[in-house]
Amino acid sequence: MLKQTDIPETVHLSDSINDEEIKYVMARKTLIKEWLNSQDIYCELEDVPNIALLGSGGGERAAVGMLGSLHQLAQDNLLGSLLYMCGVSGTTWCMSSLYSDPDWSLNKRCDEVIKKLKGPTVGLKKAVDWLKQWKDSDQDFTLTNFWGAFTASYFMKEMDTRRLSDDAHRNSTNPYPIYSAIELNRNKQHCTEAVWFEMTPHESGFSGLGAFVPTSCFRSQFEDGIMTEKRKEMDMVLLQGVCGSAIADRQMDTAYVGKKIWHVLFEGQDSMMLKENMNMVGGSRKVEVCECVPSQVVWCVSELMVNAEDPDPLKTWKVITTLRQLLEGHVSSKGEMLWNMDSESWKRTSLEERKKFIETVSLELILTSDSWTKDWKDQRCTCNGSIWWIVQNIFPLLIKWEWGTTCNFLFKFQDTRVPKWMADQEKIHLVDAALKMNSPYPPILRTSRKVDLIISLDFSKEDPFETVFSAKQYADELKLHFPPVKESVREEKDHPQDCYVFEGRCPEEPTIMHMPLFNLRNCKALPEDTPQIFPLLPSDCKELI
């Protein structure tokens, strides 16, 4: 275990990496030198190459792809060469699971994570208990908290409540981990400097600005660089929610996401309602719907959504009649449409009109679910309390559509290197960095990290070279070193090779080995067939990530 020095609980404004990372890097390079010796490669410590492994985004596809790549690197005894490991979006999910083991690169942790991915989801109660703790203790409770719990329990099958700063006290057995996010509002304004946010065991902050705080103090309240209120540090569940929250982008609207989450909770063979309330009846899977009013409303809304395209109007009218009886006096504006329709009018409406009516009413009931669940005290209720907690506390957040809210440690910070508009913001909003660039180049392009070789694993299902050109543009705007990349390589985007080398022209310029996952060597069928290649993700969730 490396000896730690107390880190001041203040803002660190510098282009240099912090002293604790320097200690880790030097200890890690000593191990890399030993690894090189085992490969009959001998050099002085100062000549050991700084190699960084980058994993792109891509939801569970990226998490599985990163896991498979690391598994193969371990099989080929190459993990010992890596100094840094950087993730964005889905690859951070993989990283957070691996780094729960302080010696993962020396053992079979990859196999354990693979086995867990194939196993059952985390129990809903455990996920909701985590959400309750955060809601009770944190004023910045947003959709990111739900997305973190959902990601950890439903995709990664593990609720890891350790904190990133806990890794600061470990030895240098593993590559130094760097997780990435972006500041949502600055990204919308197409800023470059104060957008990319990196998180390491020791420091967290803006890569382009060179502004950081100790990770143990990240999310705490600061004013003019001094901490004024210590707040709860995010754990790895919340970190996964921040790093993987691509749905925070408004291009995927509230209605779409709300209905998708509803589907995960209440509909289909993989629904949480089915898993939590399933009874075996004659060897079949069956949900017994509770007699309480909220459960009956849920059943009705689900029936409407499932049968919206049924040509028989009577089937949906029966459900609407039941809803009217259940909800009298408990609905808001659009829900009143239920009372403005009669059976004869319903029969005369076209299928398209009925679909529109059902969509409007269903969405209104989903987004105002707190109005028809919180006040009922029903003696007949035997249903799962965790599901109702989500309905009452999470669905209303969809209307606010707030993601990744946290204290801005640069609030009222007086320094010419910090833009005034950044110092004026009391809160920032951290979301999935893939919304700006689908690979974590910015932290590794910092000159103080002196990276010689970047191994870029690209799990994108779109243009496999977009990340390289985005990184080059970022480097050009901030005047950072980057190797030349010929524009002509874009011509191969629909049929890429398995590896491209963009060679640095001087010691300060890193060389990049870029490896698209979907290439002519690995698969004849390219991105269109990725759902078949990665079947682990439930089909109703694929579009969310």
Protein backbone atom coordinates (compact mmCIF):
# COMPACT_ATOMS: atom_id res chain seq x y z
CA MET A 1 0.00 0.00 0.00
CA LEU A 2 1.33 3.43 -0.96
CA LYS A 3 1.88 5.90 1.86
CA GLN A 4 -0.61 8.76 1.51
CA THR A 5 -0.03 12.42 2.29
CA ASP A 6 -2.93 14.52 3.55
CA ILE A 7 -4.39 16.48 0.63
CA PRO A 8 -5.56 20.05 1.40
CA GLU A 9 -9.34 20.43 1.07
CA THR A 10 -8.94 23.32 -1.36
CA VAL A 11 -9.06 23.93 -5.11
CA HIS A 12 -5.92 22.93 -6.99
CA LEU A 13 -5.37 25.10 -10.08
CA SER A 14 -2.48 23.75 -12.13
CA ASP A 15 -1.64 22.04 -15.40
CA SER A 16 0.45 19.52 -13.44
CA ILE A 17 -0.87 16.26 -12.03
CA ASN A 18 -1.05 16.12 -8.24
CA ASP A 19 1.71 14.72 -6.01
CA GLU A 20 -0.25 11.59 -5.06
CA GLU A 21 -0.80 10.60 -8.69
CA ILE A 22 2.92 11.16 -9.30
CA LYS A 23 3.72 8.72 -6.47
CA TYR A 24 1.33 6.14 -7.90
CA VAL A 25 2.71 6.54 -11.41
CA MET A 26 6.31 6.12 -10.27
CA ALA A 27 5.43 2.98 -8.29
CA ARG A 28 3.46 1.63 -11.24
CA LYS A 29 6.33 2.31 -13.65
CA THR A 30 8.63 0.31 -11.39
CA LEU A 31 6.27 -2.65 -11.83
CA ILE A 32 6.10 -2.05 -15.59
CA LYS A 33 9.91 -2.08 -15.71
CA GLU A 34 9.84 -5.49 -14.00
CA TRP A 35 7.26 -6.67 -16.53
CA LEU A 36 9.46 -5.45 -19.39
CA ASN A 37 12.41 -7.34 -17.91
CA SER A 38 10.29 -10.50 -17.89
CA GLN A 39 9.80 -9.97 -21.63
CA ASP A 40 13.60 -9.61 -22.11
CA ILE A 41 13.25 -5.86 -22.61
CA TYR A 42 15.67 -3.91 -20.44
CA CYS A 43 15.65 -0.16 -19.86
CA GLU A 44 16.12 2.49 -17.20
CA LEU A 45 13.09 3.61 -15.18
CA GLU A 46 12.99 6.98 -16.92
CA ASP A 47 12.77 5.19 -20.28
CA VAL A 48 9.75 3.05 -19.39
CA PRO A 49 7.00 4.04 -21.87
CA ASN A 50 3.82 5.64 -20.55
CA ILE A 51 1.03 3.57 -22.13
CA ALA A 52 -2.65 4.47 -21.73
CA LEU A 53 -5.59 2.23 -22.61
CA LEU A 54 -8.75 4.09 -23.66
CA GLY A 55 -12.20 2.50 -23.84
CA SER A 56 -14.92 4.27 -25.81
CA GLY A 57 -18.60 4.54 -24.96
CA GLY A 58 -21.42 2.38 -26.23
CA GLY A 59 -23.54 1.28 -23.27
CA GLU A 60 -23.46 -2.40 -22.40
CA ARG A 61 -21.85 -3.13 -25.75
CA ALA A 62 -18.86 -1.07 -24.62
CA ALA A 63 -18.86 -2.61 -21.12
CA VAL A 64 -18.80 -6.13 -22.58
CA GLY A 65 -16.31 -5.15 -25.30
CA MET A 66 -13.93 -3.60 -22.76
CA LEU A 67 -14.24 -6.65 -20.54
CA GLY A 68 -13.45 -8.96 -23.44
CA SER A 69 -10.47 -6.85 -24.50
CA LEU A 70 -9.02 -6.81 -20.99
CA HIS A 71 -9.60 -10.55 -20.67
CA GLN A 72 -7.57 -11.11 -23.84
CA LEU A 73 -4.83 -8.72 -22.71
CA ALA A 74 -4.60 -10.76 -19.50
CA GLN A 75 -4.45 -14.00 -21.49
CA ASP A 76 -1.57 -12.57 -23.54
CA ASN A 77 0.22 -11.24 -20.43
CA LEU A 78 0.01 -7.62 -21.62
CA LEU A 79 -1.84 -5.93 -18.75
CA GLY A 80 1.47 -5.38 -17.01
CA SER A 81 2.43 -2.80 -19.66
CA LEU A 82 -0.39 -0.34 -18.91
CA LEU A 83 0.14 2.82 -16.88
CA TYR A 84 -3.30 4.43 -17.29
CA MET A 85 -6.79 3.11 -17.97
CA CYS A 86 -9.43 5.61 -19.05
CA GLY A 87 -13.12 5.04 -19.62
CA VAL A 88 -16.16 6.90 -20.83
CA SER A 89 -19.84 5.93 -20.72
CA GLY A 90 -20.26 2.13 -20.85
CA THR A 91 -16.58 1.32 -20.32
CA THR A 92 -16.72 3.07 -16.94
CA TRP A 93 -19.30 0.48 -15.88
CA CYS A 94 -16.78 -2.25 -16.66
CA MET A 95 -13.95 -0.37 -14.93
CA SER A 96 -15.91 0.28 -11.74
CA SER A 97 -16.72 -3.43 -11.44
CA LEU A 98 -13.13 -4.51 -12.05
CA TYR A 99 -11.57 -1.99 -9.66
CA SER A 100 -13.73 -3.23 -6.79
CA ASP A 101 -10.95 -5.83 -6.54
CA PRO A 102 -7.65 -4.10 -5.58
CA ASP A 103 -5.68 -6.79 -7.43
CA TRP A 104 -7.98 -7.38 -10.39
CA SER A 105 -5.20 -7.30 -13.00
CA LEU A 106 -3.42 -10.18 -11.24
CA ASN A 107 -6.37 -12.56 -10.87
CA LYS A 108 -9.54 -13.74 -12.57
CA ARG A 109 -11.75 -10.75 -11.78
CA CYS A 110 -12.68 -10.45 -15.49
CA ASP A 111 -14.16 -13.95 -15.37
CA GLU A 112 -16.11 -13.07 -12.22
CA VAL A 113 -17.62 -9.96 -13.84
CA ILE A 114 -18.55 -11.94 -16.97
CA LYS A 115 -20.28 -14.54 -14.80
CA LYS A 116 -22.12 -11.80 -12.92
CA LEU A 117 -23.34 -10.18 -16.15
CA LYS A 118 -24.94 -13.49 -17.11
CA GLY A 119 -26.56 -13.87 -13.70
CA PRO A 120 -29.70 -12.41 -12.09
CA THR A 121 -30.30 -8.73 -11.53
CA VAL A 122 -29.91 -7.17 -8.09
CA GLY A 123 -33.12 -7.32 -6.03
CA LEU A 124 -35.31 -4.27 -6.50
CA LYS A 125 -35.51 -3.64 -2.74
CA LYS A 126 -31.73 -3.30 -2.50
CA ALA A 127 -31.68 -0.76 -5.34
CA VAL A 128 -34.57 1.23 -3.84
CA ASP A 129 -32.97 1.18 -0.38
CA TRP A 130 -29.91 2.80 -1.96
CA LEU A 131 -32.11 5.41 -3.65
CA LYS A 132 -33.91 6.17 -0.38
CA GLN A 133 -30.62 6.76 1.43
CA TRP A 134 -29.51 9.25 -1.22
CA LYS A 135 -32.87 11.02 -1.36
CA ASP A 136 -32.90 11.42 2.43
CA SER A 137 -29.31 12.66 2.67
CA ASP A 138 -28.74 14.65 -0.51
CA GLN A 139 -30.48 17.79 -1.74
CA ASP A 140 -29.19 17.20 -5.27
CA PHE A 141 -31.25 14.04 -5.84
CA THR A 142 -31.92 13.80 -9.59
CA LEU A 143 -32.63 11.32 -12.36
CA THR A 144 -28.91 10.48 -12.30
CA ASN A 145 -29.42 8.71 -8.97
CA PHE A 146 -32.13 6.55 -10.50
CA TRP A 147 -30.05 5.87 -13.60
CA GLY A 148 -27.08 4.84 -11.44
CA ALA A 149 -29.20 2.40 -9.44
CA PHE A 150 -30.82 1.11 -12.62
CA THR A 151 -27.48 0.66 -14.39
CA ALA A 152 -25.82 -1.05 -11.44
CA SER A 153 -28.69 -3.40 -10.60
CA TYR A 154 -30.16 -4.12 -14.02
CA PHE A 155 -27.11 -4.11 -16.31
CA MET A 156 -24.00 -4.71 -14.19
CA LYS A 157 -25.85 -6.82 -11.56
CA GLU A 158 -23.88 -5.27 -8.68
CA MET A 159 -24.47 -2.38 -6.22
CA ASP A 160 -20.92 -1.27 -5.41
CA THR A 161 -21.08 1.39 -2.69
CA ARG A 162 -17.36 1.97 -2.31
CA ARG A 163 -16.10 5.46 -3.11
CA LEU A 164 -13.57 6.30 -5.81
CA SER A 165 -11.33 8.01 -3.24
CA ASP A 166 -11.06 4.66 -1.42
CA ASP A 167 -8.84 3.52 -4.30
CA ALA A 168 -6.34 6.27 -3.41
CA HIS A 169 -5.00 4.12 -0.58
CA ARG A 170 -4.24 1.10 -2.73
CA ASN A 171 -0.93 -0.02 -4.13
CA SER A 172 0.02 0.30 -7.81
CA THR A 173 -0.93 -3.24 -8.85
CA ASN A 174 -3.44 -1.94 -11.43
CA PRO A 175 -3.24 0.77 -14.10
CA TYR A 176 -4.21 4.19 -12.75
CA PRO A 177 -7.98 4.63 -13.39
CA ILE A 178 -9.51 7.78 -14.88
CA TYR A 179 -13.29 8.18 -15.30
CA SER A 180 -14.84 10.89 -17.47
CA ALA A 181 -17.97 13.05 -17.64
CA ILE A 182 -18.83 16.45 -19.13
CA GLU A 183 -20.56 19.60 -17.88
CA LEU A 184 -23.93 19.54 -19.64
CA ASN A 185 -24.61 23.27 -20.05
CA ARG A 186 -21.09 24.13 -21.18
CA ASN A 187 -21.29 21.36 -23.76
CA LYS A 188 -24.54 22.80 -25.12
CA GLN A 189 -22.68 26.09 -25.57
CA HIS A 190 -19.96 24.23 -27.52
CA CYS A 191 -17.22 25.18 -25.04
CA THR A 192 -13.97 23.23 -25.03
CA GLU A 193 -11.98 24.31 -21.97
CA ALA A 194 -14.45 23.95 -19.09
CA VAL A 195 -16.38 20.93 -20.34
CA TRP A 196 -14.44 17.69 -19.85
CA PHE A 197 -14.51 16.48 -16.26
CA GLU A 198 -12.11 13.75 -15.11
CA MET A 199 -12.35 11.75 -11.89
CA THR A 200 -9.42 9.85 -10.39
CA PRO A 201 -8.87 8.34 -6.94
CA HIS A 202 -6.99 11.48 -5.88
CA GLU A 203 -8.46 14.46 -7.74
CA SER A 204 -11.53 15.37 -9.78
CA GLY A 205 -12.01 18.38 -12.01
CA PHE A 206 -11.85 20.02 -15.41
CA SER A 207 -9.08 18.60 -17.61
CA GLY A 208 -8.93 21.61 -19.95
CA LEU A 209 -8.93 24.24 -17.19
CA GLY A 210 -6.51 22.38 -14.93
CA ALA A 211 -8.90 23.00 -12.00
CA PHE A 212 -9.32 20.21 -9.44
CA VAL A 213 -10.39 19.31 -5.90
CA PRO A 214 -9.59 16.20 -3.86
CA THR A 215 -12.00 13.47 -4.97
CA SER A 216 -13.01 12.92 -1.34
CA CYS A 217 -14.28 16.54 -1.36
CA PHE A 218 -15.94 16.43 -4.77
CA ARG A 219 -19.67 17.32 -4.47
CA SER A 220 -18.93 19.37 -1.34
CA GLN A 221 -19.73 23.07 -1.28
CA PHE A 222 -16.89 25.51 -2.04
CA GLU A 223 -16.63 29.27 -2.16
CA ASP A 224 -13.59 31.09 -3.52
CA GLY A 225 -11.63 27.83 -3.44
CA ILE A 226 -12.34 26.98 0.22
CA MET A 227 -14.69 24.19 1.28
CA THR A 228 -17.63 25.63 3.24
CA GLU A 229 -19.74 22.48 3.68
CA LYS A 230 -18.65 18.84 3.52
CA ARG A 231 -21.14 16.71 1.58
CA LYS A 232 -21.51 13.03 0.87
CA GLU A 233 -19.04 11.76 -1.71
CA MET A 234 -20.53 9.86 -4.61
CA ASP A 235 -20.15 6.10 -4.56
CA MET A 236 -19.54 3.87 -7.58
CA VAL A 237 -23.27 3.37 -8.19
CA LEU A 238 -23.79 7.11 -8.58
CA LEU A 239 -20.57 7.41 -10.59
CA GLN A 240 -21.95 4.86 -13.07
CA GLY A 241 -25.12 6.94 -13.30
CA VAL A 242 -23.13 10.10 -14.05
CA CYS A 243 -20.75 8.52 -16.54
CA GLY A 244 -23.43 6.55 -18.39
CA SER A 245 -26.25 9.10 -18.56
CA ALA A 246 -26.38 9.70 -22.32
CA ILE A 247 -30.17 9.82 -22.03
CA ALA A 248 -29.76 13.21 -20.32
CA ASP A 249 -29.51 14.61 -23.84
CA ARG A 250 -32.84 16.24 -24.68
CA GLN A 251 -32.79 14.66 -28.15
CA MET A 252 -34.39 11.67 -26.43
CA ASP A 253 -37.54 13.29 -25.05
CA THR A 254 -39.21 12.89 -21.68
CA ALA A 255 -42.18 10.97 -23.06
CA TYR A 256 -39.99 8.39 -24.75
CA VAL A 257 -37.83 7.77 -21.67
CA GLY A 258 -40.82 7.76 -19.32
CA LYS A 259 -42.58 5.08 -21.33
CA LYS A 260 -39.39 3.01 -21.57
CA ILE A 261 -38.89 3.06 -17.81
CA TRP A 262 -42.57 2.20 -17.33
CA HIS A 263 -42.08 -0.77 -19.64
CA VAL A 264 -39.08 -1.98 -17.63
CA LEU A 265 -41.06 -1.71 -14.39
CA PHE A 266 -44.41 -3.12 -15.42
CA GLU A 267 -44.47 -4.77 -18.84
CA GLY A 268 -42.91 -7.71 -20.63
CA GLN A 269 -41.25 -10.94 -19.51
CA ASP A 270 -38.29 -9.08 -17.93
CA SER A 271 -40.33 -6.48 -16.03
CA MET A 272 -39.44 -5.75 -12.42
CA MET A 273 -43.10 -6.20 -11.43
CA LEU A 274 -43.02 -9.72 -12.86
CA LYS A 275 -39.77 -10.60 -11.10
CA GLU A 276 -40.86 -9.19 -7.74
CA ASN A 277 -44.45 -10.45 -7.69
CA MET A 278 -44.23 -13.60 -9.79
CA ASN A 279 -46.22 -16.67 -8.79
CA MET A 280 -45.86 -20.07 -10.39
CA VAL A 281 -49.30 -21.11 -11.62
CA GLY A 282 -49.37 -24.43 -13.44
CA GLY A 283 -45.68 -24.06 -14.28
CA SER A 284 -46.24 -20.70 -15.98
CA ARG A 285 -45.03 -17.21 -15.06
CA LYS A 286 -47.95 -15.13 -13.89
CA VAL A 287 -48.39 -11.85 -12.06
CA GLU A 288 -51.28 -11.60 -9.66
CA VAL A 289 -52.37 -7.96 -9.78
CA CYS A 290 -52.99 -6.52 -6.33
CA GLU A 291 -56.52 -5.25 -5.66
CA CYS A 292 -55.32 -1.84 -4.43
CA VAL A 293 -56.21 1.16 -6.60
CA PRO A 294 -52.65 2.09 -7.71
CA SER A 295 -51.98 -1.47 -8.88
CA GLN A 296 -55.23 -1.51 -10.82
CA VAL A 297 -54.31 1.82 -12.46
CA VAL A 298 -50.91 0.45 -13.44
CA TRP A 299 -52.57 -2.60 -14.94
CA CYS A 300 -55.00 -0.41 -16.91
CA VAL A 301 -52.30 1.93 -18.26
CA SER A 302 -50.19 -1.05 -19.31
CA GLU A 303 -53.19 -2.68 -21.01
CA LEU A 304 -53.92 0.54 -22.90
CA MET A 305 -50.33 0.85 -24.11
CA VAL A 306 -50.17 -2.81 -25.17
CA ASN A 307 -53.52 -2.70 -27.01
CA ALA A 308 -53.28 0.81 -28.47
CA GLU A 309 -53.10 -0.56 -32.02
CA ASP A 310 -55.86 -3.14 -31.63
CA PRO A 311 -58.52 -2.52 -34.32
CA ASP A 312 -61.31 -3.47 -31.89
CA PRO A 313 -62.27 -0.26 -30.01
CA LEU A 314 -64.26 -2.18 -27.40
CA LYS A 315 -61.12 -3.81 -25.98
CA THR A 316 -59.57 -0.46 -25.02
CA TRP A 317 -62.91 1.13 -24.09
CA LYS A 318 -63.42 -1.42 -21.32
CA VAL A 319 -60.05 -0.42 -19.87
CA ILE A 320 -60.84 3.29 -20.16
CA THR A 321 -64.14 2.72 -18.32
CA THR A 322 -62.27 1.00 -15.49
CA LEU A 323 -59.73 3.85 -15.32
CA ARG A 324 -62.51 6.41 -15.07
CA GLN A 325 -63.95 4.60 -12.08
CA LEU A 326 -60.55 4.28 -10.38
CA LEU A 327 -59.29 7.81 -10.93
CA GLU A 328 -62.30 10.01 -10.33
CA GLY A 329 -61.02 13.12 -8.60
CA HIS A 330 -57.36 12.10 -8.79
CA VAL A 331 -56.17 13.28 -12.23
CA SER A 332 -54.91 16.54 -13.67
CA SER A 333 -55.63 18.44 -16.89
CA LYS A 334 -55.06 15.93 -19.68
CA GLY A 335 -56.35 13.05 -17.60
CA GLU A 336 -59.76 14.74 -17.70
CA MET A 337 -59.97 13.56 -21.31
CA LEU A 338 -61.11 10.27 -19.80
CA TRP A 339 -64.44 11.88 -18.86
CA ASN A 340 -64.89 13.75 -22.14
CA MET A 341 -65.28 10.58 -24.17
CA ASP A 342 -68.29 8.26 -24.44
CA SER A 343 -68.51 4.77 -25.87
CA GLU A 344 -70.25 5.78 -29.11
CA SER A 345 -67.72 8.52 -29.83
CA TRP A 346 -64.89 6.08 -29.08
CA LYS A 347 -66.27 3.59 -31.61
CA ARG A 348 -66.44 6.28 -34.30
CA THR A 349 -62.85 7.49 -33.86
CA SER A 350 -60.17 6.20 -36.20
CA LEU A 351 -57.44 3.85 -35.00
CA GLU A 352 -54.90 6.68 -35.34
CA GLU A 353 -57.05 8.99 -33.19
CA ARG A 354 -57.46 6.30 -30.53
CA LYS A 355 -53.68 5.72 -30.46
CA LYS A 356 -53.08 9.44 -29.98
CA PHE A 357 -55.68 9.61 -27.19
CA ILE A 358 -54.18 6.60 -25.39
CA GLU A 359 -50.64 7.99 -25.71
CA THR A 360 -51.67 11.37 -24.27
CA VAL A 361 -53.64 9.95 -21.33
CA SER A 362 -51.05 7.27 -20.53
CA LEU A 363 -48.17 9.74 -20.51
CA GLU A 364 -50.11 12.16 -18.30
CA LEU A 365 -50.81 9.40 -15.79
CA ILE A 366 -47.17 8.26 -15.83
CA LEU A 367 -45.78 11.76 -15.26
CA THR A 368 -48.32 12.62 -12.54
CA SER A 369 -48.19 9.24 -10.83
CA ASP A 370 -47.62 10.84 -7.42
CA SER A 371 -51.16 12.26 -7.58
CA TRP A 372 -52.80 8.83 -7.78
CA THR A 373 -50.52 6.83 -5.48
CA LYS A 374 -49.50 8.85 -2.45
CA ASP A 375 -52.86 9.45 -0.72
CA TRP A 376 -54.45 6.02 -0.92
CA LYS A 377 -54.54 3.85 2.19
CA ASP A 378 -55.90 0.59 0.85
CA GLN A 379 -56.36 -2.33 3.24
CA ARG A 380 -56.25 -4.72 0.28
CA CYS A 381 -52.73 -3.67 -0.75
CA THR A 382 -50.25 -6.56 -0.85
CA CYS A 383 -48.03 -5.29 -3.66
CA ASN A 384 -44.34 -4.46 -3.67
CA GLY A 385 -43.55 -1.24 -1.81
CA SER A 386 -40.29 -0.69 -3.70
CA ILE A 387 -42.06 -0.35 -7.01
CA TRP A 388 -44.47 2.22 -5.58
CA TRP A 389 -41.59 4.18 -4.12
CA ILE A 390 -40.17 4.48 -7.66
CA VAL A 391 -43.56 5.47 -9.06
CA GLN A 392 -44.04 8.16 -6.40
CA ASN A 393 -40.49 9.55 -6.27
CA ILE A 394 -38.86 8.96 -9.65
CA PHE A 395 -41.54 9.54 -12.29
CA PRO A 396 -42.20 13.13 -11.09
CA LEU A 397 -38.50 13.84 -11.72
CA LEU A 398 -39.08 13.21 -15.42
CA ILE A 399 -40.98 16.50 -15.61
CA LYS A 400 -38.01 18.45 -14.18
CA TRP A 401 -35.56 16.47 -16.34
CA GLU A 402 -32.61 17.35 -14.11
CA TRP A 403 -29.40 15.34 -14.34
CA GLY A 404 -26.05 15.21 -12.54
CA THR A 405 -26.55 18.27 -10.32
CA THR A 406 -23.67 18.91 -7.94
CA CYS A 407 -21.91 21.82 -6.24
CA ASN A 408 -19.50 23.79 -8.41
CA PHE A 409 -16.18 23.86 -6.57
CA LEU A 410 -15.19 26.91 -8.68
CA PHE A 411 -18.11 28.97 -7.35
CA LYS A 412 -16.93 32.55 -6.68
CA PHE A 413 -13.35 31.47 -7.39
CA GLN A 414 -11.26 34.56 -8.04
CA ASP A 415 -8.58 33.77 -10.58
CA THR A 416 -8.15 35.01 -14.12
CA ARG A 417 -7.68 31.43 -15.33
CA VAL A 418 -11.27 30.58 -14.35
CA PRO A 419 -13.91 32.06 -16.70
CA LYS A 420 -16.32 34.41 -14.94
CA TRP A 421 -19.36 32.50 -16.17
CA MET A 422 -17.98 29.38 -14.51
CA ALA A 423 -17.30 31.15 -11.21
CA ASP A 424 -20.86 32.53 -11.23
CA GLN A 425 -22.48 29.07 -11.29
CA GLU A 426 -23.33 27.61 -7.87
CA LYS A 427 -24.20 24.24 -9.42
CA ILE A 428 -22.91 22.22 -12.36
CA HIS A 429 -24.50 19.26 -14.15
CA LEU A 430 -22.29 16.28 -14.97
CA VAL A 431 -23.42 13.76 -17.59
CA ASP A 432 -22.13 11.14 -20.01
CA ALA A 433 -18.99 12.44 -21.76
CA ALA A 434 -19.88 10.50 -24.92
CA LEU A 435 -22.33 13.32 -25.69
CA LYS A 436 -19.24 15.37 -26.58
CA MET A 437 -16.62 12.79 -27.54
CA ASN A 438 -17.08 9.03 -27.41
CA SER A 439 -13.57 8.27 -26.16
CA PRO A 440 -11.69 9.67 -23.13
CA TYR A 441 -8.79 11.40 -24.89
CA PRO A 442 -8.83 14.74 -22.96
CA PRO A 443 -7.40 13.47 -19.62
CA ILE A 444 -4.66 11.53 -21.37
CA LEU A 445 -3.68 14.44 -23.64
CA ARG A 446 -2.70 16.56 -20.63
CA THR A 447 1.00 17.25 -21.15
CA SER A 448 1.80 16.53 -17.50
CA ARG A 449 0.85 12.86 -17.98
CA LYS A 450 3.50 12.49 -20.70
CA VAL A 451 1.76 9.61 -22.45
CA ASP A 452 3.84 7.98 -25.18
CA LEU A 453 1.36 5.45 -26.56
CA ILE A 454 -2.44 5.57 -26.59
CA ILE A 455 -4.25 2.30 -27.26
CA SER A 456 -7.75 3.31 -28.34
CA LEU A 457 -10.45 0.62 -28.20
CA ASP A 458 -13.44 1.89 -30.15
CA PHE A 459 -16.78 0.18 -29.51
CA SER A 460 -18.85 2.68 -31.51
CA LYS A 461 -21.52 1.31 -33.80
CA GLU A 462 -21.33 4.43 -35.97
CA ASP A 463 -18.25 5.97 -37.66
CA PRO A 464 -15.24 4.23 -35.99
CA PHE A 465 -12.98 7.22 -36.74
CA GLU A 466 -15.19 9.95 -35.30
CA THR A 467 -13.49 9.71 -31.89
CA VAL A 468 -10.03 10.19 -33.40
CA PHE A 469 -11.02 13.28 -35.37
CA SER A 470 -12.94 14.72 -32.40
CA ALA A 471 -9.87 14.22 -30.22
CA LYS A 472 -7.67 15.90 -32.82
CA GLN A 473 -10.00 18.90 -32.95
CA TYR A 474 -9.97 19.10 -29.12
CA ALA A 475 -6.16 18.97 -29.11
CA ASP A 476 -5.91 21.66 -31.80
CA GLU A 477 -8.25 24.01 -29.91
CA LEU A 478 -6.29 23.65 -26.65
CA LYS A 479 -2.90 23.54 -28.41
CA LEU A 480 -2.09 20.02 -27.18
CA HIS A 481 0.14 17.51 -28.93
CA PHE A 482 -1.58 15.06 -31.30
CA PRO A 483 -0.23 12.97 -34.19
CA PRO A 484 -1.29 13.64 -37.78
CA VAL A 485 -4.37 11.76 -38.98
CA LYS A 486 -5.09 11.67 -42.70
CA GLU A 487 -8.59 12.68 -43.71
CA SER A 488 -8.59 9.86 -46.26
CA VAL A 489 -8.95 7.27 -43.47
CA ARG A 490 -12.63 8.25 -43.24
CA GLU A 491 -13.17 6.46 -46.56
CA GLU A 492 -12.77 3.17 -44.67
CA LYS A 493 -15.46 3.88 -42.05
CA ASP A 494 -17.85 1.28 -43.50
CA HIS A 495 -15.16 -1.40 -43.80
CA PRO A 496 -12.41 -0.63 -41.25
CA GLN A 497 -9.32 -2.70 -40.59
CA ASP A 498 -8.69 -4.07 -37.08
CA CYS A 499 -5.87 -1.65 -36.22
CA TYR A 500 -4.60 1.76 -37.33
CA VAL A 501 -1.39 3.42 -36.16
CA PHE A 502 -1.12 7.21 -36.11
CA GLU A 503 2.52 7.84 -35.31
CA GLY A 504 3.80 10.75 -33.26
CA ARG A 505 6.47 12.87 -34.97
CA CYS A 506 8.34 13.96 -31.83
CA PRO A 507 8.74 12.78 -28.20
CA GLU A 508 5.96 15.13 -27.01
CA GLU A 509 3.48 13.76 -29.56
CA PRO A 510 1.85 10.45 -28.58
CA THR A 511 1.47 7.56 -30.99
CA ILE A 512 -2.07 6.19 -31.25
CA MET A 513 -3.07 2.60 -31.94
CA HIS A 514 -6.75 2.79 -32.87
CA MET A 515 -8.74 -0.47 -32.83
CA PRO A 516 -12.38 -0.50 -34.00
CA LEU A 517 -14.33 -3.36 -32.44
CA PHE A 518 -16.41 -3.91 -35.57
CA ASN A 519 -13.91 -4.49 -38.37
CA LEU A 520 -13.34 -6.69 -41.39
CA ARG A 521 -11.29 -9.17 -39.41
CA ASN A 522 -13.57 -9.59 -36.39
CA CYS A 523 -16.97 -9.70 -38.04
CA LYS A 524 -18.36 -9.94 -41.53
CA ALA A 525 -21.61 -8.38 -40.29
CA LEU A 526 -20.92 -4.88 -38.99
CA PRO A 527 -22.93 -2.56 -36.68
CA GLU A 528 -26.41 -3.43 -38.00
CA ASP A 529 -26.08 -6.82 -36.30
CA THR A 530 -24.78 -5.68 -32.91
CA PRO A 531 -27.98 -6.67 -31.03
CA GLN A 532 -27.29 -10.26 -32.06
CA ILE A 533 -23.61 -10.01 -31.15
CA PHE A 534 -24.38 -8.66 -27.67
CA PRO A 535 -27.60 -10.32 -26.47
CA LEU A 536 -27.07 -9.62 -22.74
CA LEU A 537 -29.04 -6.38 -22.72
CA PRO A 538 -32.85 -6.64 -22.46
CA SER A 539 -34.31 -5.61 -25.83
CA ASP A 540 -36.57 -2.93 -24.34
CA CYS A 541 -33.53 -1.08 -22.89
CA LYS A 542 -31.15 -1.10 -25.87
CA GLU A 543 -32.24 2.30 -27.18
CA LEU A 544 -31.80 3.93 -23.76
CA ILE A 545 -28.03 3.49 -23.86
